[in-house]
Amino acid sequence: MVTFEDKLFMFFLALLIVSLLVNGIGFSPSNWHKEDLNDFSGGFTDRHLARKQAEFKGQDRKARSLFRSYLFWIAIVGIVVSIGLSYV
């Protein structure tokens, strides 16, 4: 038997997934390039470290934009409220 709280939970879970795809973890082109193994001489080169550092900065920007997103927080609050309603 599907109750209103279950439908509410599923709606906000879908909203959370959409917000993660749009603002956070989804559609990240950072891993789409291939590593240049011919230039790898057993150690990390400056170019490799600069690329990794730029990748980490991009991930930090995505995390900040995710936590500033209203859609993310609406989904989280909705999930918590639907769980609370299911126990009442």
N, C-alpha and C. Protein backbone atom coordinates (compact mmCIF):
# COMPACT_ATOMS: atom_id res chain seq x y z
N MET A 1 0.84 -1.17 0.00
CA MET A 1 0.00 0.00 0.00
C MET A 1 0.89 1.25 0.00
N VAL A 2 0.73 2.07 -1.00
CA VAL A 2 1.53 3.27 -1.14
C VAL A 2 0.78 4.43 -0.50
N THR A 3 1.44 5.06 0.46
CA THR A 3 0.82 6.18 1.15
C THR A 3 1.30 7.49 0.55
N PHE A 4 0.72 8.57 1.02
CA PHE A 4 1.10 9.90 0.57
C PHE A 4 2.56 10.20 0.93
N GLU A 5 2.99 9.74 2.11
CA GLU A 5 4.37 9.99 2.55
C GLU A 5 5.37 9.28 1.64
N ASP A 6 5.01 8.08 1.18
CA ASP A 6 5.89 7.35 0.27
C ASP A 6 6.03 8.08 -1.06
N LYS A 7 4.92 8.58 -1.56
CA LYS A 7 4.97 9.33 -2.82
C LYS A 7 5.76 10.62 -2.66
N LEU A 8 5.58 11.28 -1.51
CA LEU A 8 6.32 12.51 -1.23
C LEU A 8 7.82 12.22 -1.14
N PHE A 9 8.17 11.14 -0.47
CA PHE A 9 9.57 10.75 -0.36
C PHE A 9 10.18 10.47 -1.73
N MET A 10 9.47 9.73 -2.56
CA MET A 10 9.99 9.41 -3.90
C MET A 10 10.14 10.66 -4.76
N PHE A 11 9.19 11.59 -4.63
CA PHE A 11 9.28 12.84 -5.39
C PHE A 11 10.53 13.62 -4.99
N PHE A 12 10.75 13.77 -3.69
CA PHE A 12 11.90 14.55 -3.24
C PHE A 12 13.21 13.80 -3.48
N LEU A 13 13.19 12.49 -3.49
CA LEU A 13 14.38 11.73 -3.85
C LEU A 13 14.73 11.95 -5.32
N ALA A 14 13.74 11.95 -6.17
CA ALA A 14 13.97 12.25 -7.59
C ALA A 14 14.48 13.67 -7.77
N LEU A 15 13.94 14.60 -6.99
CA LEU A 15 14.40 15.99 -7.05
C LEU A 15 15.85 16.09 -6.60
N LEU A 16 16.23 15.32 -5.59
CA LEU A 16 17.62 15.31 -5.13
C LEU A 16 18.54 14.77 -6.21
N ILE A 17 18.13 13.73 -6.89
CA ILE A 17 18.95 13.17 -7.97
C ILE A 17 19.11 14.17 -9.10
N VAL A 18 18.04 14.86 -9.44
CA VAL A 18 18.13 15.89 -10.49
C VAL A 18 19.06 17.01 -10.07
N SER A 19 18.96 17.44 -8.82
CA SER A 19 19.84 18.52 -8.37
C SER A 19 21.30 18.08 -8.35
N LEU A 20 21.56 16.82 -8.02
CA LEU A 20 22.94 16.32 -8.06
C LEU A 20 23.47 16.26 -9.49
N LEU A 21 22.62 15.87 -10.42
CA LEU A 21 23.06 15.82 -11.81
C LEU A 21 23.30 17.20 -12.39
N VAL A 22 22.42 18.13 -12.05
CA VAL A 22 22.53 19.47 -12.64
C VAL A 22 23.64 20.28 -11.98
N ASN A 23 23.71 20.28 -10.66
CA ASN A 23 24.64 21.16 -9.96
C ASN A 23 25.91 20.50 -9.47
N GLY A 24 25.90 19.21 -9.30
CA GLY A 24 27.02 18.60 -8.61
C GLY A 24 27.80 17.60 -9.41
N ILE A 25 27.54 16.35 -9.17
CA ILE A 25 28.41 15.29 -9.64
C ILE A 25 28.19 14.88 -11.08
N GLY A 26 27.09 15.23 -11.66
CA GLY A 26 26.76 14.74 -13.00
C GLY A 26 27.40 15.53 -14.11
N PHE A 27 27.58 14.89 -15.22
CA PHE A 27 28.07 15.49 -16.46
C PHE A 27 29.42 16.18 -16.28
N SER A 28 30.32 15.52 -15.57
CA SER A 28 31.64 16.08 -15.31
C SER A 28 32.62 15.61 -16.39
N PRO A 29 33.13 16.53 -17.19
CA PRO A 29 34.06 16.12 -18.25
C PRO A 29 35.50 15.95 -17.76
N SER A 30 35.74 15.97 -16.45
CA SER A 30 37.11 15.92 -15.95
C SER A 30 37.79 14.59 -16.23
N ASN A 31 37.06 13.51 -16.32
CA ASN A 31 37.68 12.20 -16.56
C ASN A 31 37.56 11.77 -18.02
N TRP A 32 37.17 12.65 -18.89
CA TRP A 32 36.98 12.28 -20.29
C TRP A 32 38.27 12.27 -21.08
N HIS A 33 39.32 12.93 -20.60
CA HIS A 33 40.56 12.95 -21.35
C HIS A 33 41.42 11.75 -20.96
N LYS A 34 42.24 11.32 -21.88
CA LYS A 34 43.14 10.20 -21.62
C LYS A 34 44.46 10.75 -21.12
N GLU A 35 45.04 10.01 -20.20
CA GLU A 35 46.35 10.39 -19.70
C GLU A 35 47.40 10.16 -20.79
N ASP A 36 48.36 11.06 -20.85
CA ASP A 36 49.44 10.91 -21.81
C ASP A 36 50.53 10.06 -21.17
N LEU A 37 50.50 8.76 -21.43
CA LEU A 37 51.43 7.85 -20.80
C LEU A 37 52.82 7.89 -21.42
N ASN A 38 52.94 8.43 -22.62
CA ASN A 38 54.25 8.52 -23.25
C ASN A 38 55.13 9.54 -22.55
N ASP A 39 54.51 10.53 -21.90
CA ASP A 39 55.26 11.59 -21.23
C ASP A 39 55.56 11.24 -19.78
N PHE A 40 55.06 10.10 -19.32
CA PHE A 40 55.21 9.71 -17.92
C PHE A 40 56.55 9.02 -17.72
N SER A 41 57.41 9.58 -16.90
CA SER A 41 58.76 9.02 -16.72
C SER A 41 58.95 8.42 -15.33
N GLY A 42 57.89 7.92 -14.73
CA GLY A 42 58.02 7.30 -13.42
C GLY A 42 57.71 8.23 -12.27
N GLY A 43 57.61 9.50 -12.52
CA GLY A 43 57.30 10.47 -11.47
C GLY A 43 56.24 11.43 -11.97
N PHE A 44 55.78 12.25 -11.08
CA PHE A 44 54.77 13.23 -11.46
C PHE A 44 55.44 14.46 -12.07
N THR A 45 54.98 14.84 -13.23
CA THR A 45 55.52 16.02 -13.88
C THR A 45 54.74 17.24 -13.42
N ASP A 46 55.28 18.40 -13.68
CA ASP A 46 54.60 19.65 -13.31
C ASP A 46 53.28 19.78 -14.05
N ARG A 47 53.26 19.33 -15.30
CA ARG A 47 52.02 19.41 -16.08
C ARG A 47 50.94 18.51 -15.48
N HIS A 48 51.35 17.33 -15.05
CA HIS A 48 50.41 16.40 -14.43
C HIS A 48 49.86 16.97 -13.12
N LEU A 49 50.73 17.52 -12.29
CA LEU A 49 50.29 18.10 -11.02
C LEU A 49 49.40 19.32 -11.23
N ALA A 50 49.71 20.14 -12.23
CA ALA A 50 48.88 21.31 -12.51
C ALA A 50 47.49 20.89 -12.98
N ARG A 51 47.43 19.83 -13.78
CA ARG A 51 46.14 19.35 -14.27
C ARG A 51 45.31 18.78 -13.12
N LYS A 52 45.96 18.03 -12.21
CA LYS A 52 45.24 17.48 -11.06
C LYS A 52 44.76 18.59 -10.13
N GLN A 53 45.59 19.62 -9.94
CA GLN A 53 45.20 20.74 -9.08
C GLN A 53 44.01 21.48 -9.68
N ALA A 54 44.00 21.68 -10.97
CA ALA A 54 42.87 22.32 -11.63
C ALA A 54 41.62 21.47 -11.53
N GLU A 55 41.78 20.15 -11.59
CA GLU A 55 40.65 19.24 -11.44
C GLU A 55 40.05 19.33 -10.04
N PHE A 56 40.91 19.41 -9.02
CA PHE A 56 40.43 19.52 -7.64
C PHE A 56 39.72 20.85 -7.40
N LYS A 57 40.24 21.93 -7.99
CA LYS A 57 39.57 23.22 -7.85
C LYS A 57 38.20 23.20 -8.50
N GLY A 58 38.08 22.53 -9.62
CA GLY A 58 36.78 22.40 -10.28
C GLY A 58 35.80 21.60 -9.44
N GLN A 59 36.30 20.55 -8.79
CA GLN A 59 35.44 19.76 -7.91
C GLN A 59 34.99 20.57 -6.70
N ASP A 60 35.88 21.40 -6.18
CA ASP A 60 35.50 22.26 -5.05
C ASP A 60 34.42 23.26 -5.45
N ARG A 61 34.55 23.83 -6.65
CA ARG A 61 33.53 24.78 -7.14
C ARG A 61 32.18 24.08 -7.29
N LYS A 62 32.20 22.85 -7.79
CA LYS A 62 30.95 22.11 -7.96
C LYS A 62 30.31 21.80 -6.62
N ALA A 63 31.12 21.43 -5.63
CA ALA A 63 30.57 21.14 -4.30
C ALA A 63 29.97 22.40 -3.68
N ARG A 64 30.66 23.54 -3.82
CA ARG A 64 30.11 24.79 -3.28
C ARG A 64 28.82 25.17 -3.97
N SER A 65 28.76 25.00 -5.28
CA SER A 65 27.53 25.36 -5.99
C SER A 65 26.39 24.42 -5.64
N LEU A 66 26.72 23.17 -5.33
CA LEU A 66 25.68 22.21 -4.93
C LEU A 66 25.08 22.61 -3.59
N PHE A 67 25.92 22.96 -2.63
CA PHE A 67 25.42 23.30 -1.31
C PHE A 67 24.75 24.68 -1.28
N ARG A 68 25.00 25.53 -2.27
CA ARG A 68 24.30 26.81 -2.36
C ARG A 68 23.00 26.69 -3.14
N SER A 69 22.75 25.54 -3.71
CA SER A 69 21.58 25.35 -4.55
C SER A 69 20.32 25.20 -3.70
N TYR A 70 19.30 25.98 -4.03
CA TYR A 70 18.02 25.87 -3.33
C TYR A 70 17.35 24.53 -3.62
N LEU A 71 17.52 24.04 -4.82
CA LEU A 71 16.91 22.77 -5.21
C LEU A 71 17.42 21.62 -4.34
N PHE A 72 18.70 21.62 -4.03
CA PHE A 72 19.29 20.60 -3.18
C PHE A 72 18.69 20.64 -1.78
N TRP A 73 18.61 21.84 -1.20
CA TRP A 73 18.11 21.96 0.17
C TRP A 73 16.61 21.71 0.26
N ILE A 74 15.86 22.08 -0.77
CA ILE A 74 14.43 21.76 -0.79
C ILE A 74 14.24 20.25 -0.81
N ALA A 75 15.06 19.55 -1.60
CA ALA A 75 14.96 18.10 -1.66
C ALA A 75 15.32 17.45 -0.33
N ILE A 76 16.37 17.93 0.32
CA ILE A 76 16.79 17.37 1.61
C ILE A 76 15.72 17.61 2.67
N VAL A 77 15.20 18.83 2.75
CA VAL A 77 14.15 19.13 3.73
C VAL A 77 12.89 18.32 3.44
N GLY A 78 12.54 18.16 2.17
CA GLY A 78 11.38 17.37 1.80
C GLY A 78 11.52 15.91 2.19
N ILE A 79 12.72 15.36 2.03
CA ILE A 79 12.94 13.97 2.43
C ILE A 79 12.82 13.83 3.94
N VAL A 80 13.39 14.76 4.68
CA VAL A 80 13.31 14.70 6.14
C VAL A 80 11.86 14.85 6.62
N VAL A 81 11.10 15.76 5.99
CA VAL A 81 9.71 15.95 6.36
C VAL A 81 8.89 14.71 6.03
N SER A 82 9.13 14.11 4.88
CA SER A 82 8.36 12.90 4.52
C SER A 82 8.67 11.74 5.45
N ILE A 83 9.92 11.62 5.89
CA ILE A 83 10.27 10.59 6.87
C ILE A 83 9.58 10.89 8.19
N GLY A 84 9.59 12.15 8.60
CA GLY A 84 8.89 12.53 9.83
C GLY A 84 7.40 12.27 9.76
N LEU A 85 6.78 12.53 8.62
CA LEU A 85 5.35 12.29 8.46
C LEU A 85 5.01 10.80 8.49
N SER A 86 5.93 9.98 8.04
CA SER A 86 5.65 8.54 8.03
C SER A 86 5.61 7.95 9.44
N TYR A 87 6.29 8.60 10.39
CA TYR A 87 6.28 8.12 11.77
C TYR A 87 5.15 8.69 12.59
N VAL A 88 4.45 9.70 12.07
CA VAL A 88 3.35 10.31 12.82
C VAL A 88 2.06 9.58 12.58
